[in-house]
């Protein structure tokens, strides 16, 4: 049984098994550093079905829910929080104006 990235809870980790999309989507994800076989973790979720904040290769990338729905994780996806390194759960906080 596979799971898509948008189904993974905050703190959950998995390995990218496939990208269900065309050449353009795959190219955009590759430019962000997301490739098949790469491990990633969900570190935040935007409110009201906003984007997901994903950590991959030590960097954080925001992905829209539609894109996240097309990223399939392998069977070994951990739906439990991997560790609590000060990661926030819930909404992102805006520090600015």
PDB file of N, CA and C in Angstrom:
ATOM      1  N   UNK A   1       0.850  -1.180   0.000  1.00  0.00           N
ATOM      2  CA  UNK A   1       0.000   0.000   0.000  1.00  0.00           C
ATOM      3  C   UNK A   1       0.892   1.238   0.000  1.00  0.00           C
ATOM      4  N   UNK A   2       0.689   2.120  -0.934  1.00  0.00           N
ATOM      5  CA  UNK A   2       1.477   3.352  -0.998  1.00  0.00           C
ATOM      6  C   UNK A   2       0.625   4.515  -0.486  1.00  0.00           C
ATOM      7  N   UNK A   3       1.310   5.591  -0.166  1.00  0.00           N
ATOM      8  CA  UNK A   3       0.655   6.776   0.376  1.00  0.00           C
ATOM      9  C   UNK A   3       1.176   7.980  -0.399  1.00  0.00           C
ATOM     10  N   UNK A   4       0.330   8.976  -0.590  1.00  0.00           N
ATOM     11  CA  UNK A   4       0.785  10.181  -1.271  1.00  0.00           C
ATOM     12  C   UNK A   4       1.273  11.186  -0.233  1.00  0.00           C
ATOM     13  N   UNK A   5       2.079  12.119  -0.665  1.00  0.00           N
ATOM     14  CA  UNK A   5       2.704  13.081   0.230  1.00  0.00           C
ATOM     15  C   UNK A   5       1.667  13.903   0.990  1.00  0.00           C
ATOM     16  N   UNK A   6       0.554  14.241   0.367  1.00  0.00           N
ATOM     17  CA  UNK A   6      -0.455  15.053   1.055  1.00  0.00           C
ATOM     18  C   UNK A   6      -1.155  14.288   2.184  1.00  0.00           C
ATOM     19  N   UNK A   7      -1.042  12.967   2.216  1.00  0.00           N
ATOM     20  CA  UNK A   7      -1.654  12.157   3.265  1.00  0.00           C
ATOM     21  C   UNK A   7      -0.738  11.977   4.474  1.00  0.00           C
ATOM     22  N   UNK A   8       0.518  12.353   4.341  1.00  0.00           N
ATOM     23  CA  UNK A   8       1.489  12.183   5.414  1.00  0.00           C
ATOM     24  C   UNK A   8       1.301  13.281   6.464  1.00  0.00           C
ATOM     25  N   UNK A   9       1.216  12.923   7.750  1.00  0.00           N
ATOM     26  CA  UNK A   9       1.032  13.948   8.785  1.00  0.00           C
ATOM     27  C   UNK A   9       2.332  14.713   9.049  1.00  0.00           C
ATOM     28  N   UNK A  10       2.206  15.821   9.746  1.00  0.00           N
ATOM     29  CA  UNK A  10       3.384  16.601  10.135  1.00  0.00           C
ATOM     30  C   UNK A  10       4.294  15.714  10.982  1.00  0.00           C
ATOM     31  N   UNK A  11       5.567  15.680  10.643  1.00  0.00           N
ATOM     32  CA  UNK A  11       6.537  14.837  11.328  1.00  0.00           C
ATOM     33  C   UNK A  11       6.723  13.491  10.666  1.00  0.00           C
ATOM     34  N   UNK A  12       5.838  13.149   9.725  1.00  0.00           N
ATOM     35  CA  UNK A  12       5.955  11.883   9.014  1.00  0.00           C
ATOM     36  C   UNK A  12       7.018  11.950   7.939  1.00  0.00           C
ATOM     37  N   UNK A  13       7.661  10.831   7.696  1.00  0.00           N
ATOM     38  CA  UNK A  13       8.731  10.761   6.699  1.00  0.00           C
ATOM     39  C   UNK A  13       8.477   9.607   5.745  1.00  0.00           C
ATOM     40  N   UNK A  14       9.056   9.690   4.569  1.00  0.00           N
ATOM     41  CA  UNK A  14       8.938   8.624   3.595  1.00  0.00           C
ATOM     42  C   UNK A  14       9.956   8.800   2.485  1.00  0.00           C
ATOM     43  N   UNK A  15       9.962   7.833   1.585  1.00  0.00           N
ATOM     44  CA  UNK A  15      10.862   7.854   0.443  1.00  0.00           C
ATOM     45  C   UNK A  15      10.028   7.992  -0.821  1.00  0.00           C
ATOM     46  N   UNK A  16      10.439   8.891  -1.704  1.00  0.00           N
ATOM     47  CA  UNK A  16       9.700   9.116  -2.948  1.00  0.00           C
ATOM     48  C   UNK A  16       9.801   7.876  -3.820  1.00  0.00           C
ATOM     49  N   UNK A  17       8.650   7.301  -4.158  1.00  0.00           N
ATOM     50  CA  UNK A  17       8.605   6.103  -4.994  1.00  0.00           C
ATOM     51  C   UNK A  17       8.327   6.460  -6.451  1.00  0.00           C
ATOM     52  N   UNK A  18       7.465   7.440  -6.674  1.00  0.00           N
ATOM     53  CA  UNK A  18       7.161   7.864  -8.046  1.00  0.00           C
ATOM     54  C   UNK A  18       6.494   9.226  -8.022  1.00  0.00           C
ATOM     55  N   UNK A  19       6.526   9.893  -9.173  1.00  0.00           N
ATOM     56  CA  UNK A  19       5.831  11.160  -9.351  1.00  0.00           C
ATOM     57  C   UNK A  19       4.818  10.936 -10.456  1.00  0.00           C
ATOM     58  N   UNK A  20       3.544  11.076 -10.114  1.00  0.00           N
ATOM     59  CA  UNK A  20       2.466  10.878 -11.089  1.00  0.00           C
ATOM     60  C   UNK A  20       2.169  12.217 -11.758  1.00  0.00           C
ATOM     61  N   UNK A  21       2.927  12.501 -12.754  1.00  0.00           N
ATOM     62  CA  UNK A  21       2.749  13.759 -13.454  1.00  0.00           C
ATOM     63  C   UNK A  21       3.541  13.771 -14.736  1.00  0.00           C
ATOM     64  N   UNK A  22       3.391  14.830 -15.460  1.00  0.00           N
ATOM     65  CA  UNK A  22       4.070  14.954 -16.731  1.00  0.00           C
ATOM     66  C   UNK A  22       5.510  15.427 -16.584  1.00  0.00           C
ATOM     67  N   UNK A  23       6.099  15.656 -17.740  1.00  0.00           N
ATOM     68  CA  UNK A  23       7.498  16.070 -17.810  1.00  0.00           C
ATOM     69  C   UNK A  23       7.735  17.389 -17.081  1.00  0.00           C
ATOM     70  N   UNK A  24       6.800  18.320 -17.179  1.00  0.00           N
ATOM     71  CA  UNK A  24       6.955  19.616 -16.526  1.00  0.00           C
ATOM     72  C   UNK A  24       6.962  19.509 -15.011  1.00  0.00           C
ATOM     73  N   UNK A  25       6.031  18.745 -14.458  1.00  0.00           N
ATOM     74  CA  UNK A  25       5.978  18.567 -13.009  1.00  0.00           C
ATOM     75  C   UNK A  25       7.224  17.862 -12.500  1.00  0.00           C
ATOM     76  N   UNK A  26       7.626  16.807 -13.175  1.00  0.00           N
ATOM     77  CA  UNK A  26       8.833  16.086 -12.760  1.00  0.00           C
ATOM     78  C   UNK A  26      10.053  17.003 -12.816  1.00  0.00           C
ATOM     79  N   UNK A  27      10.138  17.825 -13.854  1.00  0.00           N
ATOM     80  CA  UNK A  27      11.254  18.758 -13.978  1.00  0.00           C
ATOM     81  C   UNK A  27      11.269  19.796 -12.862  1.00  0.00           C
ATOM     82  N   UNK A  28      10.089  20.336 -12.517  1.00  0.00           N
ATOM     83  CA  UNK A  28      10.007  21.316 -11.433  1.00  0.00           C
ATOM     84  C   UNK A  28      10.428  20.704 -10.104  1.00  0.00           C
ATOM     85  N   UNK A  29       9.979  19.487  -9.834  1.00  0.00           N
ATOM     86  CA  UNK A  29      10.355  18.823  -8.584  1.00  0.00           C
ATOM     87  C   UNK A  29      11.848  18.516  -8.549  1.00  0.00           C
ATOM     88  N   UNK A  30      12.403  18.121  -9.684  1.00  0.00           N
ATOM     89  CA  UNK A  30      13.835  17.833  -9.737  1.00  0.00           C
ATOM     90  C   UNK A  30      14.655  19.092  -9.474  1.00  0.00           C
ATOM     91  N   UNK A  31      14.208  20.230  -9.978  1.00  0.00           N
ATOM     92  CA  UNK A  31      14.913  21.491  -9.717  1.00  0.00           C
ATOM     93  C   UNK A  31      14.845  21.880  -8.242  1.00  0.00           C
ATOM     94  N   UNK A  32      13.795  21.418  -7.544  1.00  0.00           N
ATOM     95  CA  UNK A  32      13.675  21.665  -6.107  1.00  0.00           C
ATOM     96  C   UNK A  32      14.457  20.641  -5.292  1.00  0.00           C
ATOM     97  N   UNK A  33      15.010  19.638  -5.960  1.00  0.00           N
ATOM     98  CA  UNK A  33      15.793  18.620  -5.268  1.00  0.00           C
ATOM     99  C   UNK A  33      15.006  17.385  -4.885  1.00  0.00           C
ATOM    100  N   UNK A  34      13.818  17.209  -5.452  1.00  0.00           N
ATOM    101  CA  UNK A  34      12.977  16.061  -5.124  1.00  0.00           C
ATOM    102  C   UNK A  34      13.053  15.064  -6.274  1.00  0.00           C
ATOM    103  N   UNK A  35      13.661  13.900  -5.989  1.00  0.00           N
ATOM    104  CA  UNK A  35      13.837  12.852  -6.985  1.00  0.00           C
ATOM    105  C   UNK A  35      13.314  11.536  -6.438  1.00  0.00           C
ATOM    106  N   UNK A  36      13.020  10.595  -7.324  1.00  0.00           N
ATOM    107  CA  UNK A  36      12.628   9.253  -6.900  1.00  0.00           C
ATOM    108  C   UNK A  36      13.779   8.648  -6.106  1.00  0.00           C
ATOM    109  N   UNK A  37      13.450   8.070  -4.945  1.00  0.00           N
ATOM    110  CA  UNK A  37      14.440   7.464  -4.077  1.00  0.00           C
ATOM    111  C   UNK A  37      14.906   8.368  -2.945  1.00  0.00           C
ATOM    112  N   UNK A  38      14.538   9.644  -2.986  1.00  0.00           N
ATOM    113  CA  UNK A  38      14.946  10.591  -1.948  1.00  0.00           C
ATOM    114  C   UNK A  38      14.047  10.503  -0.723  1.00  0.00           C
ATOM    115  N   UNK A  39      14.633  10.513   0.483  1.00  0.00           N
ATOM    116  CA  UNK A  39      13.825  10.570   1.703  1.00  0.00           C
ATOM    117  C   UNK A  39      13.398  12.013   1.972  1.00  0.00           C
ATOM    118  N   UNK A  40      12.190  12.185   2.481  1.00  0.00           N
ATOM    119  CA  UNK A  40      11.702  13.512   2.834  1.00  0.00           C
ATOM    120  C   UNK A  40      10.779  13.434   4.035  1.00  0.00           C
ATOM    121  N   UNK A  41      10.567  14.577   4.679  1.00  0.00           N
ATOM    122  CA  UNK A  41       9.694  14.666   5.855  1.00  0.00           C
ATOM    123  C   UNK A  41       8.796  15.887   5.721  1.00  0.00           C
ATOM    124  N   UNK A  42       7.565  15.770   6.206  1.00  0.00           N
ATOM    125  CA  UNK A  42       6.639  16.899   6.256  1.00  0.00           C
ATOM    126  C   UNK A  42       6.885  17.618   7.579  1.00  0.00           C
ATOM    127  N   UNK A  43       7.234  18.895   7.517  1.00  0.00           N
ATOM    128  CA  UNK A  43       7.534  19.648   8.729  1.00  0.00           C
ATOM    129  C   UNK A  43       6.488  20.709   9.049  1.00  0.00           C
ATOM    130  N   UNK A  44       5.540  20.938   8.156  1.00  0.00           N
ATOM    131  CA  UNK A  44       4.481  21.908   8.432  1.00  0.00           C
ATOM    132  C   UNK A  44       3.391  21.847   7.381  1.00  0.00           C
ATOM    133  N   UNK A  45       2.243  22.365   7.758  1.00  0.00           N
ATOM    134  CA  UNK A  45       1.088  22.432   6.856  1.00  0.00           C
ATOM    135  C   UNK A  45       0.473  23.815   6.957  1.00  0.00           C
ATOM    136  N   UNK A  46       0.149  24.387   5.824  1.00  0.00           N
ATOM    137  CA  UNK A  46      -0.533  25.670   5.823  1.00  0.00           C
ATOM    138  C   UNK A  46      -1.987  25.493   6.230  1.00  0.00           C
ATOM    139  N   UNK A  47      -2.551  26.512   6.830  1.00  0.00           N
ATOM    140  CA  UNK A  47      -3.942  26.463   7.265  1.00  0.00           C
ATOM    141  C   UNK A  47      -4.882  26.437   6.052  1.00  0.00           C
ATOM    142  N   UNK A  48      -6.043  25.880   6.263  1.00  0.00           N
ATOM    143  CA  UNK A  48      -7.097  25.850   5.244  1.00  0.00           C
ATOM    144  C   UNK A  48      -6.616  25.243   3.932  1.00  0.00           C
ATOM    145  N   UNK A  49      -6.027  24.080   4.010  1.00  0.00           N
ATOM    146  CA  UNK A  49      -5.532  23.339   2.842  1.00  0.00           C
ATOM    147  C   UNK A  49      -4.471  24.117   2.077  1.00  0.00           C
ATOM    148  N   UNK A  50      -3.648  24.841   2.809  1.00  0.00           N
ATOM    149  CA  UNK A  50      -2.529  25.563   2.215  1.00  0.00           C
ATOM    150  C   UNK A  50      -1.403  24.606   1.864  1.00  0.00           C
ATOM    151  N   UNK A  51      -0.262  25.131   1.506  1.00  0.00           N
ATOM    152  CA  UNK A  51       0.853  24.279   1.067  1.00  0.00           C
ATOM    153  C   UNK A  51       1.470  23.472   2.206  1.00  0.00           C
ATOM    154  N   UNK A  52       2.208  22.435   1.825  1.00  0.00           N
ATOM    155  CA  UNK A  52       2.956  21.611   2.771  1.00  0.00           C
ATOM    156  C   UNK A  52       4.397  22.107   2.786  1.00  0.00           C
ATOM    157  N   UNK A  53       4.996  22.110   3.957  1.00  0.00           N
ATOM    158  CA  UNK A  53       6.410  22.437   4.079  1.00  0.00           C
ATOM    159  C   UNK A  53       7.143  21.119   4.235  1.00  0.00           C
ATOM    160  N   UNK A  54       8.030  20.817   3.289  1.00  0.00           N
ATOM    161  CA  UNK A  54       8.722  19.536   3.223  1.00  0.00           C
ATOM    162  C   UNK A  54      10.217  19.770   3.409  1.00  0.00           C
ATOM    163  N   UNK A  55      10.851  18.901   4.197  1.00  0.00           N
ATOM    164  CA  UNK A  55      12.304  18.971   4.355  1.00  0.00           C
ATOM    165  C   UNK A  55      12.930  17.844   3.553  1.00  0.00           C
ATOM    166  N   UNK A  56      13.867  18.227   2.675  1.00  0.00           N
ATOM    167  CA  UNK A  56      14.557  17.252   1.839  1.00  0.00           C
ATOM    168  C   UNK A  56      16.000  17.708   1.666  1.00  0.00           C
ATOM    169  N   UNK A  57      16.933  16.818   1.912  1.00  0.00           N
ATOM    170  CA  UNK A  57      18.367  17.111   1.801  1.00  0.00           C
ATOM    171  C   UNK A  57      18.776  18.320   2.637  1.00  0.00           C
ATOM    172  N   UNK A  58      18.140  18.505   3.791  1.00  0.00           N
ATOM    173  CA  UNK A  58      18.490  19.607   4.673  1.00  0.00           C
ATOM    174  C   UNK A  58      17.870  20.943   4.303  1.00  0.00           C
ATOM    175  N   UNK A  59      17.094  20.995   3.244  1.00  0.00           N
ATOM    176  CA  UNK A  59      16.426  22.227   2.826  1.00  0.00           C
ATOM    177  C   UNK A  59      14.925  22.066   2.987  1.00  0.00           C
ATOM    178  N   UNK A  60      14.247  23.189   3.129  1.00  0.00           N
ATOM    179  CA  UNK A  60      12.788  23.158   3.235  1.00  0.00           C
ATOM    180  C   UNK A  60      12.168  23.760   1.994  1.00  0.00           C
ATOM    181  N   UNK A  61      11.143  23.068   1.487  1.00  0.00           N
ATOM    182  CA  UNK A  61      10.479  23.457   0.248  1.00  0.00           C
ATOM    183  C   UNK A  61       8.975  23.439   0.498  1.00  0.00           C
ATOM    184  N   UNK A  62       8.264  24.450   0.011  1.00  0.00           N
ATOM    185  CA  UNK A  62       6.810  24.483   0.105  1.00  0.00           C
ATOM    186  C   UNK A  62       6.218  23.899  -1.169  1.00  0.00           C
ATOM    187  N   UNK A  63       5.293  22.961  -0.998  1.00  0.00           N
ATOM    188  CA  UNK A  63       4.615  22.338  -2.132  1.00  0.00           C
ATOM    189  C   UNK A  63       3.107  22.497  -1.971  1.00  0.00           C
ATOM    190  N   UNK A  64       2.442  22.875  -3.038  1.00  0.00           N
ATOM    191  CA  UNK A  64       0.991  22.954  -3.017  1.00  0.00           C
ATOM    192  C   UNK A  64       0.378  21.576  -2.840  1.00  0.00           C
ATOM    193  N   UNK A  65      -0.850  21.540  -2.352  1.00  0.00           N
ATOM    194  CA  UNK A  65      -1.502  20.247  -2.108  1.00  0.00           C
ATOM    195  C   UNK A  65      -1.695  19.448  -3.390  1.00  0.00           C
ATOM    196  N   UNK A  66      -1.965  20.125  -4.503  1.00  0.00           N
ATOM    197  CA  UNK A  66      -2.134  19.417  -5.773  1.00  0.00           C
ATOM    198  C   UNK A  66      -0.865  18.709  -6.214  1.00  0.00           C
ATOM    199  N   UNK A  67       0.264  19.361  -6.029  1.00  0.00           N
ATOM    200  CA  UNK A  67       1.560  18.753  -6.357  1.00  0.00           C
ATOM    201  C   UNK A  67       1.844  17.617  -5.384  1.00  0.00           C
ATOM    202  N   UNK A  68       1.602  17.861  -4.091  1.00  0.00           N
ATOM    203  CA  UNK A  68       1.863  16.839  -3.075  1.00  0.00           C
ATOM    204  C   UNK A  68       1.024  15.584  -3.304  1.00  0.00           C
ATOM    205  N   UNK A  69      -0.146  15.758  -3.871  1.00  0.00           N
ATOM    206  CA  UNK A  69      -1.030  14.631  -4.163  1.00  0.00           C
ATOM    207  C   UNK A  69      -0.461  13.730  -5.259  1.00  0.00           C
ATOM    208  N   UNK A  70       0.470  14.253  -6.050  1.00  0.00           N
ATOM    209  CA  UNK A  70       1.042  13.486  -7.156  1.00  0.00           C
ATOM    210  C   UNK A  70       2.368  12.820  -6.801  1.00  0.00           C
ATOM    211  N   UNK A  71       2.875  13.093  -5.590  1.00  0.00           N
ATOM    212  CA  UNK A  71       4.125  12.476  -5.131  1.00  0.00           C
ATOM    213  C   UNK A  71       3.767  11.251  -4.294  1.00  0.00           C
ATOM    214  N   UNK A  72       4.131  10.080  -4.800  1.00  0.00           N
ATOM    215  CA  UNK A  72       3.803   8.812  -4.135  1.00  0.00           C
ATOM    216  C   UNK A  72       5.017   8.361  -3.332  1.00  0.00           C
ATOM    217  N   UNK A  73       4.775   7.984  -2.074  1.00  0.00           N
ATOM    218  CA  UNK A  73       5.833   7.516  -1.200  1.00  0.00           C
ATOM    219  C   UNK A  73       5.810   6.002  -1.136  1.00  0.00           C
ATOM    220  N   UNK A  74       6.949   5.404  -0.844  1.00  0.00           N
ATOM    221  CA  UNK A  74       7.061   3.938  -0.804  1.00  0.00           C
ATOM    222  C   UNK A  74       6.302   3.359   0.375  1.00  0.00           C
ATOM    223  N   UNK A  75       6.179   2.048   0.366  1.00  0.00           N
ATOM    224  CA  UNK A  75       5.447   1.339   1.406  1.00  0.00           C
ATOM    225  C   UNK A  75       6.018   1.577   2.788  1.00  0.00           C
ATOM    226  N   UNK A  76       7.290   1.905   2.886  1.00  0.00           N
ATOM    227  CA  UNK A  76       7.938   2.098   4.173  1.00  0.00           C
ATOM    228  C   UNK A  76       7.728   3.481   4.763  1.00  0.00           C
ATOM    229  N   UNK A  77       6.759   4.260   4.250  1.00  0.00           N
ATOM    230  CA  UNK A  77       6.536   5.611   4.761  1.00  0.00           C
ATOM    231  C   UNK A  77       6.120   5.564   6.222  1.00  0.00           C
ATOM    232  N   UNK A  78       6.774   6.359   7.028  1.00  0.00           N
ATOM    233  CA  UNK A  78       6.486   6.415   8.451  1.00  0.00           C
ATOM    234  C   UNK A  78       5.428   7.472   8.708  1.00  0.00           C
ATOM    235  N   UNK A  79       4.281   7.043   9.211  1.00  0.00           N
ATOM    236  CA  UNK A  79       3.231   8.018   9.481  1.00  0.00           C
ATOM    237  C   UNK A  79       3.293   8.526  10.912  1.00  0.00           C
ATOM    238  N   UNK A  80       4.307   8.096  11.644  1.00  0.00           N
ATOM    239  CA  UNK A  80       4.541   8.595  12.988  1.00  0.00           C
ATOM    240  C   UNK A  80       5.614   9.674  12.914  1.00  0.00           C
ATOM    241  N   UNK A  81       5.547  10.660  13.789  1.00  0.00           N
ATOM    242  CA  UNK A  81       6.611  11.665  13.795  1.00  0.00           C
ATOM    243  C   UNK A  81       7.970  11.001  13.989  1.00  0.00           C
ATOM    244  N   UNK A  82       8.923  11.378  13.156  1.00  0.00           N
ATOM    245  CA  UNK A  82      10.238  10.755  13.200  1.00  0.00           C
ATOM    246  C   UNK A  82      11.034  11.182  14.416  1.00  0.00           C
ATOM    247  N   UNK A  83      10.999  12.454  14.740  1.00  0.00           N
ATOM    248  CA  UNK A  83      11.630  12.976  15.944  1.00  0.00           C
ATOM    249  C   UNK A  83      11.094  14.374  16.175  1.00  0.00           C
ATOM    250  N   UNK A  84      11.332  14.906  17.336  1.00  0.00           N
ATOM    251  CA  UNK A  84      10.821  16.231  17.660  1.00  0.00           C
ATOM    252  C   UNK A  84      11.986  17.184  17.814  1.00  0.00           C
ATOM    253  N   UNK A  85      12.461  17.689  16.698  1.00  0.00           N
ATOM    254  CA  UNK A  85      13.594  18.612  16.730  1.00  0.00           C
ATOM    255  C   UNK A  85      13.097  20.047  16.728  1.00  0.00           C
ATOM    256  N   UNK A  86      12.114  20.323  17.569  1.00  0.00           N
ATOM    257  CA  UNK A  86      11.606  21.683  17.655  1.00  0.00           C
ATOM    258  C   UNK A  86      10.687  22.041  16.503  1.00  0.00           C
ATOM    259  N   UNK A  87      10.177  21.052  15.825  1.00  0.00           N
ATOM    260  CA  UNK A  87       9.296  21.343  14.700  1.00  0.00           C
ATOM    261  C   UNK A  87       7.924  21.740  15.208  1.00  0.00           C
ATOM    262  N   UNK A  88       7.381  22.749  14.574  1.00  0.00           N
ATOM    263  CA  UNK A  88       6.040  23.189  14.932  1.00  0.00           C
ATOM    264  C   UNK A  88       5.029  22.305  14.242  1.00  0.00           C
ATOM    265  N   UNK A  89       3.907  22.172  14.873  1.00  0.00           N
ATOM    266  CA  UNK A  89       2.782  21.513  14.228  1.00  0.00           C
ATOM    267  C   UNK A  89       1.727  22.571  13.984  1.00  0.00           C
ATOM    268  N   UNK A  90       0.878  22.315  13.037  1.00  0.00           N
ATOM    269  CA  UNK A  90      -0.186  23.281  12.756  1.00  0.00           C
ATOM    270  C   UNK A  90       0.240  24.322  11.750  1.00  0.00           C
ATOM    271  N   UNK A  91      -0.287  25.525  11.917  1.00  0.00           N
ATOM    272  CA  UNK A  91      -0.065  26.590  10.947  1.00  0.00           C
ATOM    273  C   UNK A  91       1.344  27.159  11.012  1.00  0.00           C
ATOM    274  N   UNK A  92       1.749  27.736   9.898  1.00  0.00           N
ATOM    275  CA  UNK A  92       3.020  28.439   9.862  1.00  0.00           C
ATOM    276  C   UNK A  92       2.792  29.801  10.473  1.00  0.00           C
ATOM    277  N   UNK A  93       3.814  30.323  11.090  1.00  0.00           N
ATOM    278  CA  UNK A  93       3.712  31.659  11.656  1.00  0.00           C
ATOM    279  C   UNK A  93       4.385  32.641  10.723  1.00  0.00           C
ATOM    280  N   UNK A  94       3.741  33.768  10.532  1.00  0.00           N
ATOM    281  CA  UNK A  94       4.300  34.805   9.669  1.00  0.00           C
ATOM    282  C   UNK A  94       4.959  35.847  10.549  1.00  0.00           C
ATOM    283  N   UNK A  95       6.255  35.996  10.431  1.00  0.00           N
ATOM    284  CA  UNK A  95       6.990  36.997  11.189  1.00  0.00           C
ATOM    285  C   UNK A  95       7.348  38.119  10.224  1.00  0.00           C
ATOM    286  N   UNK A  96       6.619  39.151  10.273  1.00  0.00           N
ATOM    287  CA  UNK A  96       6.886  40.255   9.361  1.00  0.00           C
ATOM    288  C   UNK A  96       5.959  41.402   9.638  1.00  0.00           C
ATOM    289  N   UNK A  97       5.598  42.060   8.580  1.00  0.00           N
ATOM    290  CA  UNK A  97       4.763  43.262   8.687  1.00  0.00           C
ATOM    291  C   UNK A  97       3.383  42.987   9.170  1.00  0.00           C
TER     292      UNK A  97
END
